[in-house]
Amino acid sequence: MNMVMNRLTSEPMQNYLKRHLLCVYLSAMVYNPNFTLEYLESMQVTAKVFESIFTLSNSFENIYERKIFILGLSNVLNAD
């Protein structure tokens, strides 16, 4: 997750690459939402990541990205 964060914050990138990197965090939210939120809070980027996810949500093109978006955010609602 550190490597993904480094890549997200290092330099400007195309939207398709940013979508794929954000899907890593959405997948982590599906697997373990509590740990993922703790990690994002410790890095102080929670608001920035969620803002990026919602900004790019209309550009999620394939079914996999849409499913990860829905499942990841649904699990966040059930987090402690």
C-alpha atoms as a PDB file:
ATOM      1  CA  MET A   1       0.000   0.000   0.000  1.00  0.00           C
ATOM      2  CA  ASN A   2       2.959   2.291   0.568  1.00  0.00           C
ATOM      3  CA  MET A   3       4.157   1.792  -2.987  1.00  0.00           C
ATOM      4  CA  VAL A   4       0.718   2.620  -4.367  1.00  0.00           C
ATOM      5  CA  MET A   5       0.566   5.773  -2.246  1.00  0.00           C
ATOM      6  CA  ASN A   6       4.034   6.812  -3.413  1.00  0.00           C
ATOM      7  CA  ARG A   7       2.995   6.399  -7.028  1.00  0.00           C
ATOM      8  CA  LEU A   8      -0.287   8.261  -6.528  1.00  0.00           C
ATOM      9  CA  THR A   9       1.424  11.264  -4.994  1.00  0.00           C
ATOM     10  CA  SER A  10       4.676  11.321  -6.957  1.00  0.00           C
ATOM     11  CA  GLU A  11       3.754  12.787 -10.315  1.00  0.00           C
ATOM     12  CA  PRO A  12       0.803  13.618 -12.589  1.00  0.00           C
ATOM     13  CA  MET A  13      -0.721  10.654 -14.382  1.00  0.00           C
ATOM     14  CA  GLN A  14      -3.439   9.606 -16.771  1.00  0.00           C
ATOM     15  CA  ASN A  15      -6.894   8.912 -15.348  1.00  0.00           C
ATOM     16  CA  TYR A  16      -6.776   5.228 -16.322  1.00  0.00           C
ATOM     17  CA  LEU A  17      -3.645   4.665 -14.204  1.00  0.00           C
ATOM     18  CA  LYS A  18      -5.091   6.615 -11.297  1.00  0.00           C
ATOM     19  CA  ARG A  19      -8.265   4.475 -11.495  1.00  0.00           C
ATOM     20  CA  HIS A  20      -6.222   1.278 -11.290  1.00  0.00           C
ATOM     21  CA  LEU A  21      -4.219   2.548  -8.326  1.00  0.00           C
ATOM     22  CA  LEU A  22      -7.361   3.622  -6.491  1.00  0.00           C
ATOM     23  CA  CYS A  23      -8.856   0.177  -7.136  1.00  0.00           C
ATOM     24  CA  VAL A  24      -6.039  -1.216  -4.982  1.00  0.00           C
ATOM     25  CA  TYR A  25      -7.419   0.758  -2.045  1.00  0.00           C
ATOM     26  CA  LEU A  26     -10.991  -0.209  -2.901  1.00  0.00           C
ATOM     27  CA  SER A  27      -9.929  -3.872  -2.977  1.00  0.00           C
ATOM     28  CA  ALA A  28      -8.247  -3.438   0.396  1.00  0.00           C
ATOM     29  CA  MET A  29     -11.498  -1.982   1.724  1.00  0.00           C
ATOM     30  CA  VAL A  30     -13.305  -5.117   0.554  1.00  0.00           C
ATOM     31  CA  TYR A  31     -10.768  -7.358   2.282  1.00  0.00           C
ATOM     32  CA  ASN A  32     -10.236  -5.419   5.534  1.00  0.00           C
ATOM     33  CA  PRO A  33     -11.928  -2.017   5.779  1.00  0.00           C
ATOM     34  CA  ASN A  34     -10.785  -1.310   9.339  1.00  0.00           C
ATOM     35  CA  PHE A  35      -7.093  -1.755   8.550  1.00  0.00           C
ATOM     36  CA  THR A  36      -7.385   0.190   5.305  1.00  0.00           C
ATOM     37  CA  LEU A  37      -9.025   3.149   7.019  1.00  0.00           C
ATOM     38  CA  GLU A  38      -6.431   3.051   9.804  1.00  0.00           C
ATOM     39  CA  TYR A  39      -3.657   3.068   7.212  1.00  0.00           C
ATOM     40  CA  LEU A  40      -5.175   5.980   5.291  1.00  0.00           C
ATOM     41  CA  GLU A  41      -5.638   7.924   8.528  1.00  0.00           C
ATOM     42  CA  SER A  42      -2.045   7.277   9.587  1.00  0.00           C
ATOM     43  CA  MET A  43      -0.852   8.642   6.240  1.00  0.00           C
ATOM     44  CA  GLN A  44      -3.341  11.558   6.549  1.00  0.00           C
ATOM     45  CA  VAL A  45      -4.746  10.985   3.061  1.00  0.00           C
ATOM     46  CA  THR A  46      -8.212   9.606   3.789  1.00  0.00           C
ATOM     47  CA  ALA A  47     -10.097  12.621   2.466  1.00  0.00           C
ATOM     48  CA  LYS A  48      -7.823  12.895  -0.556  1.00  0.00           C
ATOM     49  CA  VAL A  49      -8.273   9.217  -1.502  1.00  0.00           C
ATOM     50  CA  PHE A  50     -12.050   9.332  -1.115  1.00  0.00           C
ATOM     51  CA  GLU A  51     -12.211  12.576  -3.076  1.00  0.00           C
ATOM     52  CA  SER A  52     -10.225  10.974  -5.900  1.00  0.00           C
ATOM     53  CA  ILE A  53     -12.422   7.875  -5.842  1.00  0.00           C
ATOM     54  CA  PHE A  54     -15.627   9.898  -6.085  1.00  0.00           C
ATOM     55  CA  THR A  55     -14.169  12.225  -8.736  1.00  0.00           C
ATOM     56  CA  LEU A  56     -13.253   9.275 -10.951  1.00  0.00           C
ATOM     57  CA  SER A  57     -16.324   7.156 -10.139  1.00  0.00           C
ATOM     58  CA  ASN A  58     -18.037   8.109 -13.407  1.00  0.00           C
ATOM     59  CA  SER A  59     -15.034   6.943 -15.385  1.00  0.00           C
ATOM     60  CA  PHE A  60     -15.038   3.376 -13.986  1.00  0.00           C
ATOM     61  CA  GLU A  61     -15.627   1.623 -17.286  1.00  0.00           C
ATOM     62  CA  ASN A  62     -15.552  -2.109 -16.824  1.00  0.00           C
ATOM     63  CA  ILE A  63     -17.692  -4.246 -14.556  1.00  0.00           C
ATOM     64  CA  TYR A  64     -14.774  -5.199 -12.291  1.00  0.00           C
ATOM     65  CA  GLU A  65     -14.053  -1.556 -11.413  1.00  0.00           C
ATOM     66  CA  ARG A  66     -17.726  -0.896 -10.718  1.00  0.00           C
ATOM     67  CA  LYS A  67     -18.039  -3.963  -8.483  1.00  0.00           C
ATOM     68  CA  ILE A  68     -14.928  -3.041  -6.506  1.00  0.00           C
ATOM     69  CA  PHE A  69     -16.252   0.513  -6.128  1.00  0.00           C
ATOM     70  CA  ILE A  70     -19.587  -0.679  -4.744  1.00  0.00           C
ATOM     71  CA  LEU A  71     -18.201  -3.446  -2.526  1.00  0.00           C
ATOM     72  CA  GLY A  72     -15.353  -1.319  -1.158  1.00  0.00           C
ATOM     73  CA  LEU A  73     -17.570   1.579  -0.187  1.00  0.00           C
ATOM     74  CA  SER A  74     -20.229  -0.773   1.208  1.00  0.00           C
ATOM     75  CA  ASN A  75     -17.666  -2.369   3.504  1.00  0.00           C
ATOM     76  CA  VAL A  76     -16.517   1.049   4.699  1.00  0.00           C
ATOM     77  CA  LEU A  77     -20.043   1.646   5.949  1.00  0.00           C
ATOM     78  CA  ASN A  78     -19.762  -1.480   8.091  1.00  0.00           C
ATOM     79  CA  ALA A  79     -16.305  -0.604   9.466  1.00  0.00           C
ATOM     80  CA  ASP A  80     -15.809   0.130  13.155  1.00  0.00           C
END
